[in-house]
PDB file of N, CA and C in Angstrom:
ATOM      1  N   MET A   1     -23.434   8.741 -10.532  1.00  0.00           N
ATOM      2  CA  MET A   1     -22.638   7.719 -11.151  1.00  0.00           C
ATOM      3  C   MET A   1     -21.858   6.989 -10.059  1.00  0.00           C
ATOM      4  N   ASN A   2     -22.049   5.692  -9.958  1.00  0.00           N
ATOM      5  CA  ASN A   2     -21.388   4.856  -8.969  1.00  0.00           C
ATOM      6  C   ASN A   2     -20.294   4.046  -9.643  1.00  0.00           C
ATOM      7  N   MET A   3     -19.052   4.260  -9.248  1.00  0.00           N
ATOM      8  CA  MET A   3     -17.938   3.525  -9.835  1.00  0.00           C
ATOM      9  C   MET A   3     -17.333   2.606  -8.791  1.00  0.00           C
ATOM     10  N   LYS A   4     -17.003   1.391  -9.189  1.00  0.00           N
ATOM     11  CA  LYS A   4     -16.379   0.445  -8.291  1.00  0.00           C
ATOM     12  C   LYS A   4     -14.876   0.448  -8.540  1.00  0.00           C
ATOM     13  N   ILE A   5     -14.116   0.521  -7.458  1.00  0.00           N
ATOM     14  CA  ILE A   5     -12.661   0.506  -7.551  1.00  0.00           C
ATOM     15  C   ILE A   5     -12.197  -0.938  -7.441  1.00  0.00           C
ATOM     16  N   ILE A   6     -11.439  -1.395  -8.432  1.00  0.00           N
ATOM     17  CA  ILE A   6     -10.926  -2.766  -8.436  1.00  0.00           C
ATOM     18  C   ILE A   6      -9.408  -2.699  -8.618  1.00  0.00           C
ATOM     19  N   LEU A   7      -8.696  -3.303  -7.682  1.00  0.00           N
ATOM     20  CA  LEU A   7      -7.244  -3.337  -7.775  1.00  0.00           C
ATOM     21  C   LEU A   7      -6.799  -4.353  -8.817  1.00  0.00           C
ATOM     22  N   LEU A   8      -5.666  -4.096  -9.419  1.00  0.00           N
ATOM     23  CA  LEU A   8      -5.080  -5.060 -10.345  1.00  0.00           C
ATOM     24  C   LEU A   8      -4.631  -6.282  -9.560  1.00  0.00           C
ATOM     25  N   PRO A   9      -4.732  -7.459 -10.140  1.00  0.00           N
ATOM     26  CA  PRO A   9      -4.261  -8.661  -9.440  1.00  0.00           C
ATOM     27  C   PRO A   9      -2.779  -8.535  -9.097  1.00  0.00           C
ATOM     28  N   GLY A  10      -2.440  -8.815  -7.868  1.00  0.00           N
ATOM     29  CA  GLY A  10      -1.054  -8.736  -7.421  1.00  0.00           C
ATOM     30  C   GLY A  10      -0.593  -7.348  -7.035  1.00  0.00           C
ATOM     31  N   ALA A  11      -1.456  -6.352  -7.140  1.00  0.00           N
ATOM     32  CA  ALA A  11      -1.059  -4.974  -6.849  1.00  0.00           C
ATOM     33  C   ALA A  11      -0.648  -4.798  -5.393  1.00  0.00           C
ATOM     34  N   MET A  12      -1.386  -5.415  -4.476  1.00  0.00           N
ATOM     35  CA  MET A  12      -1.068  -5.247  -3.065  1.00  0.00           C
ATOM     36  C   MET A  12       0.241  -5.950  -2.714  1.00  0.00           C
ATOM     37  N   ALA A  13       0.506  -7.109  -3.316  1.00  0.00           N
ATOM     38  CA  ALA A  13       1.773  -7.807  -3.075  1.00  0.00           C
ATOM     39  C   ALA A  13       2.949  -6.980  -3.596  1.00  0.00           C
ATOM     40  N   GLU A  14       2.774  -6.376  -4.766  1.00  0.00           N
ATOM     41  CA  GLU A  14       3.820  -5.521  -5.338  1.00  0.00           C
ATOM     42  C   GLU A  14       4.044  -4.283  -4.465  1.00  0.00           C
ATOM     43  N   LEU A  15       2.970  -3.693  -3.996  1.00  0.00           N
ATOM     44  CA  LEU A  15       3.072  -2.525  -3.117  1.00  0.00           C
ATOM     45  C   LEU A  15       3.813  -2.900  -1.844  1.00  0.00           C
ATOM     46  N   PHE A  16       3.462  -4.040  -1.251  1.00  0.00           N
ATOM     47  CA  PHE A  16       4.112  -4.490  -0.027  1.00  0.00           C
ATOM     48  C   PHE A  16       5.609  -4.712  -0.261  1.00  0.00           C
ATOM     49  N   ALA A  17       5.963  -5.353  -1.367  1.00  0.00           N
ATOM     50  CA  ALA A  17       7.369  -5.607  -1.672  1.00  0.00           C
ATOM     51  C   ALA A  17       8.140  -4.301  -1.865  1.00  0.00           C
ATOM     52  N   GLN A  18       7.554  -3.357  -2.598  1.00  0.00           N
ATOM     53  CA  GLN A  18       8.221  -2.078  -2.850  1.00  0.00           C
ATOM     54  C   GLN A  18       8.425  -1.289  -1.563  1.00  0.00           C
ATOM     55  N   VAL A  19       7.403  -1.231  -0.740  1.00  0.00           N
ATOM     56  CA  VAL A  19       7.487  -0.484   0.517  1.00  0.00           C
ATOM     57  C   VAL A  19       8.488  -1.150   1.458  1.00  0.00           C
ATOM     58  N   SER A  20       8.490  -2.475   1.509  1.00  0.00           N
ATOM     59  CA  SER A  20       9.436  -3.197   2.368  1.00  0.00           C
ATOM     60  C   SER A  20      10.874  -2.973   1.905  1.00  0.00           C
ATOM     61  N   TRP A  21      11.083  -2.981   0.587  1.00  0.00           N
ATOM     62  CA  TRP A  21      12.423  -2.790   0.039  1.00  0.00           C
ATOM     63  C   TRP A  21      12.943  -1.375   0.284  1.00  0.00           C
ATOM     64  N   SER A  22      12.094  -0.376   0.039  1.00  0.00           N
ATOM     65  CA  SER A  22      12.544   1.011   0.128  1.00  0.00           C
ATOM     66  C   SER A  22      12.506   1.571   1.546  1.00  0.00           C
ATOM     67  N   GLY A  23      11.637   1.014   2.388  1.00  0.00           N
ATOM     68  CA  GLY A  23      11.486   1.561   3.744  1.00  0.00           C
ATOM     69  C   GLY A  23      10.703   2.864   3.752  1.00  0.00           C
ATOM     70  N   LYS A  24      10.067   3.176   2.628  1.00  0.00           N
ATOM     71  CA  LYS A  24       9.318   4.432   2.496  1.00  0.00           C
ATOM     72  C   LYS A  24       7.924   4.165   1.949  1.00  0.00           C
ATOM     73  N   ILE A  25       6.953   4.892   2.463  1.00  0.00           N
ATOM     74  CA  ILE A  25       5.594   4.862   1.926  1.00  0.00           C
ATOM     75  C   ILE A  25       5.398   6.185   1.188  1.00  0.00           C
ATOM     76  N   THR A  26       5.355   6.109  -0.133  1.00  0.00           N
ATOM     77  CA  THR A  26       5.274   7.310  -0.962  1.00  0.00           C
ATOM     78  C   THR A  26       3.820   7.731  -1.183  1.00  0.00           C
ATOM     79  N   LEU A  27       3.662   8.833  -1.873  1.00  0.00           N
ATOM     80  CA  LEU A  27       2.333   9.333  -2.204  1.00  0.00           C
ATOM     81  C   LEU A  27       1.572   8.311  -3.056  1.00  0.00           C
ATOM     82  N   ALA A  28       2.247   7.723  -4.032  1.00  0.00           N
ATOM     83  CA  ALA A  28       1.605   6.713  -4.880  1.00  0.00           C
ATOM     84  C   ALA A  28       1.196   5.490  -4.055  1.00  0.00           C
ATOM     85  N   ASP A  29       2.046   5.107  -3.096  1.00  0.00           N
ATOM     86  CA  ASP A  29       1.724   3.980  -2.216  1.00  0.00           C
ATOM     87  C   ASP A  29       0.479   4.281  -1.382  1.00  0.00           C
ATOM     88  N   ARG A  30       0.396   5.502  -0.893  1.00  0.00           N
ATOM     89  CA  ARG A  30      -0.769   5.884  -0.080  1.00  0.00           C
ATOM     90  C   ARG A  30      -2.045   5.872  -0.907  1.00  0.00           C
ATOM     91  N   TYR A  31      -1.959   6.305  -2.167  1.00  0.00           N
ATOM     92  CA  TYR A  31      -3.138   6.239  -3.037  1.00  0.00           C
ATOM     93  C   TYR A  31      -3.532   4.789  -3.306  1.00  0.00           C
ATOM     94  N   GLY A  32      -2.536   3.906  -3.460  1.00  0.00           N
ATOM     95  CA  GLY A  32      -2.827   2.492  -3.640  1.00  0.00           C
ATOM     96  C   GLY A  32      -3.522   1.895  -2.431  1.00  0.00           C
ATOM     97  N   LEU A  33      -3.057   2.250  -1.244  1.00  0.00           N
ATOM     98  CA  LEU A  33      -3.702   1.775  -0.016  1.00  0.00           C
ATOM     99  C   LEU A  33      -5.118   2.327   0.107  1.00  0.00           C
ATOM    100  N   MET A  34      -5.288   3.591  -0.247  1.00  0.00           N
ATOM    101  CA  MET A  34      -6.613   4.195  -0.190  1.00  0.00           C
ATOM    102  C   MET A  34      -7.573   3.490  -1.148  1.00  0.00           C
ATOM    103  N   ALA A  35      -7.094   3.179  -2.339  1.00  0.00           N
ATOM    104  CA  ALA A  35      -7.933   2.471  -3.311  1.00  0.00           C
ATOM    105  C   ALA A  35      -8.301   1.093  -2.791  1.00  0.00           C
ATOM    106  N   ALA A  36      -7.374   0.436  -2.118  1.00  0.00           N
ATOM    107  CA  ALA A  36      -7.660  -0.891  -1.565  1.00  0.00           C
ATOM    108  C   ALA A  36      -8.757  -0.823  -0.517  1.00  0.00           C
ATOM    109  N   PHE A  37      -8.672   0.162   0.344  1.00  0.00           N
ATOM    110  CA  PHE A  37      -9.686   0.293   1.389  1.00  0.00           C
ATOM    111  C   PHE A  37     -11.036   0.735   0.833  1.00  0.00           C
ATOM    112  N   LEU A  38     -11.014   1.688  -0.091  1.00  0.00           N
ATOM    113  CA  LEU A  38     -12.273   2.183  -0.648  1.00  0.00           C
ATOM    114  C   LEU A  38     -12.931   1.157  -1.553  1.00  0.00           C
ATOM    115  N   GLY A  39     -12.130   0.359  -2.237  1.00  0.00           N
ATOM    116  CA  GLY A  39     -12.674  -0.649  -3.127  1.00  0.00           C
ATOM    117  C   GLY A  39     -13.298  -1.811  -2.384  1.00  0.00           C
ATOM    118  N   ASP A  40     -12.887  -2.017  -1.154  1.00  0.00           N
ATOM    119  CA  ASP A  40     -13.432  -3.080  -0.309  1.00  0.00           C
ATOM    120  C   ASP A  40     -13.375  -4.434  -1.021  1.00  0.00           C
ATOM    121  N   SER A  41     -12.307  -4.651  -1.791  1.00  0.00           N
ATOM    122  CA  SER A  41     -12.189  -5.898  -2.535  1.00  0.00           C
ATOM    123  C   SER A  41     -10.918  -6.663  -2.172  1.00  0.00           C
ATOM    124  N   ILE A  42     -10.316  -6.335  -1.022  1.00  0.00           N
ATOM    125  CA  ILE A  42      -9.082  -7.011  -0.635  1.00  0.00           C
ATOM    126  C   ILE A  42      -9.402  -8.278   0.150  1.00  0.00           C
ATOM    127  N   ASP A  43      -8.563  -9.279  -0.048  1.00  0.00           N
ATOM    128  CA  ASP A  43      -8.768 -10.532   0.672  1.00  0.00           C
ATOM    129  C   ASP A  43      -7.951 -10.523   1.969  1.00  0.00           C
ATOM    130  N   GLU A  44      -8.010 -11.620   2.699  1.00  0.00           N
ATOM    131  CA  GLU A  44      -7.361 -11.689   4.007  1.00  0.00           C
ATOM    132  C   GLU A  44      -5.839 -11.561   3.900  1.00  0.00           C
ATOM    133  N   GLU A  45      -5.251 -12.147   2.866  1.00  0.00           N
ATOM    134  CA  GLU A  45      -3.799 -12.061   2.681  1.00  0.00           C
ATOM    135  C   GLU A  45      -3.359 -10.617   2.436  1.00  0.00           C
ATOM    136  N   GLU A  46      -4.117  -9.900   1.626  1.00  0.00           N
ATOM    137  CA  GLU A  46      -3.794  -8.494   1.353  1.00  0.00           C
ATOM    138  C   GLU A  46      -3.999  -7.638   2.605  1.00  0.00           C
ATOM    139  N   ARG A  47      -5.022  -7.942   3.362  1.00  0.00           N
ATOM    140  CA  ARG A  47      -5.265  -7.215   4.619  1.00  0.00           C
ATOM    141  C   ARG A  47      -4.107  -7.444   5.594  1.00  0.00           C
ATOM    142  N   ASP A  48      -3.590  -8.678   5.639  1.00  0.00           N
ATOM    143  CA  ASP A  48      -2.441  -8.980   6.494  1.00  0.00           C
ATOM    144  C   ASP A  48      -1.198  -8.208   6.054  1.00  0.00           C
ATOM    145  N   ALA A  49      -1.000  -8.065   4.742  1.00  0.00           N
ATOM    146  CA  ALA A  49       0.136  -7.304   4.226  1.00  0.00           C
ATOM    147  C   ALA A  49       0.030  -5.838   4.647  1.00  0.00           C
ATOM    148  N   ILE A  50      -1.168  -5.287   4.598  1.00  0.00           N
ATOM    149  CA  ILE A  50      -1.381  -3.901   5.033  1.00  0.00           C
ATOM    150  C   ILE A  50      -1.090  -3.777   6.525  1.00  0.00           C
ATOM    151  N   ASP A  51      -1.541  -4.748   7.310  1.00  0.00           N
ATOM    152  CA  ASP A  51      -1.268  -4.741   8.751  1.00  0.00           C
ATOM    153  C   ASP A  51       0.232  -4.780   9.020  1.00  0.00           C
ATOM    154  N   ARG A  52       0.977  -5.586   8.245  1.00  0.00           N
ATOM    155  CA  ARG A  52       2.430  -5.658   8.430  1.00  0.00           C
ATOM    156  C   ARG A  52       3.099  -4.331   8.080  1.00  0.00           C
ATOM    157  N   MET A  53       2.615  -3.659   7.028  1.00  0.00           N
ATOM    158  CA  MET A  53       3.173  -2.347   6.679  1.00  0.00           C
ATOM    159  C   MET A  53       2.907  -1.331   7.784  1.00  0.00           C
ATOM    160  N   LEU A  54       1.690  -1.323   8.311  1.00  0.00           N
ATOM    161  CA  LEU A  54       1.361  -0.396   9.384  1.00  0.00           C
ATOM    162  C   LEU A  54       2.186  -0.687  10.640  1.00  0.00           C
ATOM    163  N   HIS A  55       2.384  -1.945  10.945  1.00  0.00           N
ATOM    164  CA  HIS A  55       3.184  -2.324  12.103  1.00  0.00           C
ATOM    165  C   HIS A  55       4.625  -1.843  11.936  1.00  0.00           C
ATOM    166  N   ALA A  56       5.184  -2.032  10.745  1.00  0.00           N
ATOM    167  CA  ALA A  56       6.545  -1.565  10.474  1.00  0.00           C
ATOM    168  C   ALA A  56       6.640  -0.053  10.592  1.00  0.00           C
ATOM    169  N   PHE A  57       5.605   0.656  10.139  1.00  0.00           N
ATOM    170  CA  PHE A  57       5.590   2.115  10.269  1.00  0.00           C
ATOM    171  C   PHE A  57       5.583   2.526  11.731  1.00  0.00           C
ATOM    172  N   TYR A  58       4.721   1.902  12.525  1.00  0.00           N
ATOM    173  CA  TYR A  58       4.639   2.239  13.947  1.00  0.00           C
ATOM    174  C   TYR A  58       5.934   1.915  14.679  1.00  0.00           C
ATOM    175  N   ARG A  59       6.645   0.897  14.243  1.00  0.00           N
ATOM    176  CA  ARG A  59       7.917   0.512  14.864  1.00  0.00           C
ATOM    177  C   ARG A  59       9.086   1.365  14.360  1.00  0.00           C
ATOM    178  N   GLY A  60       8.846   2.223  13.386  1.00  0.00           N
ATOM    179  CA  GLY A  60       9.895   3.102  12.878  1.00  0.00           C
ATOM    180  C   GLY A  60      10.743   2.492  11.772  1.00  0.00           C
ATOM    181  N   ARG A  61      10.343   1.340  11.238  1.00  0.00           N
ATOM    182  CA  ARG A  61      11.106   0.703  10.163  1.00  0.00           C
ATOM    183  C   ARG A  61      10.739   1.260   8.794  1.00  0.00           C
ATOM    184  N   MET A  62       9.660   2.016   8.726  1.00  0.00           N
ATOM    185  CA  MET A  62       9.238   2.672   7.485  1.00  0.00           C
ATOM    186  C   MET A  62       8.861   4.100   7.815  1.00  0.00           C
ATOM    187  N   LYS A  63       9.004   4.962   6.818  1.00  0.00           N
ATOM    188  CA  LYS A  63       8.589   6.342   7.031  1.00  0.00           C
ATOM    189  C   LYS A  63       7.734   6.807   5.862  1.00  0.00           C
ATOM    190  N   ILE A  64       6.886   7.771   6.127  1.00  0.00           N
ATOM    191  CA  ILE A  64       6.033   8.353   5.100  1.00  0.00           C
ATOM    192  C   ILE A  64       6.776   9.529   4.481  1.00  0.00           C
ATOM    193  N   VAL A  65       6.872   9.530   3.161  1.00  0.00           N
ATOM    194  CA  VAL A  65       7.558  10.599   2.445  1.00  0.00           C
ATOM    195  C   VAL A  65       6.597  11.235   1.442  1.00  0.00           C
ATOM    196  N   ASP A  66       6.914  12.435   1.005  1.00  0.00           N
ATOM    197  CA  ASP A  66       6.066  13.144   0.061  1.00  0.00           C
ATOM    198  C   ASP A  66       6.497  12.931  -1.390  1.00  0.00           C
ATOM    199  N   ASP A  67       7.435  12.025  -1.624  1.00  0.00           N
ATOM    200  CA  ASP A  67       7.861  11.704  -2.990  1.00  0.00           C
ATOM    201  C   ASP A  67       6.687  11.051  -3.728  1.00  0.00           C
ATOM    202  N   ILE A  68       6.662  11.223  -5.019  1.00  0.00           N
ATOM    203  CA  ILE A  68       5.636  10.590  -5.838  1.00  0.00           C
ATOM    204  C   ILE A  68       5.848   9.084  -5.870  1.00  0.00           C
ATOM    205  N   SER A  69       7.105   8.654  -6.042  1.00  0.00           N
ATOM    206  CA  SER A  69       7.412   7.235  -6.165  1.00  0.00           C
ATOM    207  C   SER A  69       8.793   6.980  -5.579  1.00  0.00           C
ATOM    208  N   ALA A  70       9.021   5.743  -5.119  1.00  0.00           N
ATOM    209  CA  ALA A  70      10.335   5.363  -4.603  1.00  0.00           C
ATOM    210  C   ALA A  70      11.292   5.023  -5.736  1.00  0.00           C
ATOM    211  N   ILE A  71      10.756   4.783  -6.945  1.00  0.00           N
ATOM    212  CA  ILE A  71      11.594   4.446  -8.096  1.00  0.00           C
ATOM    213  C   ILE A  71      12.044   5.730  -8.775  1.00  0.00           C
ATOM    214  N   CYS A  72      13.337   5.902  -8.883  1.00  0.00           N
ATOM    215  CA  CYS A  72      13.862   7.117  -9.499  1.00  0.00           C
ATOM    216  C   CYS A  72      14.545   6.840 -10.798  1.00  0.00           C
TER     217      CYS A  72
END
């Protein structure tokens, strides 16, 4: 059985905004990023947003946490 992963419209923009606001990449965020990469359906703008998140992580402006979600 072959299933195609399709992100919801605007999901990557929402993920980018949430991660930028909280400064944390949660478990749910990581699953969202994984789905984006595995689905291979992201456009150039979404790819740029992922690059900006990774750059912020490497610069120490974001950290990876084991929380399920940043919203409490």
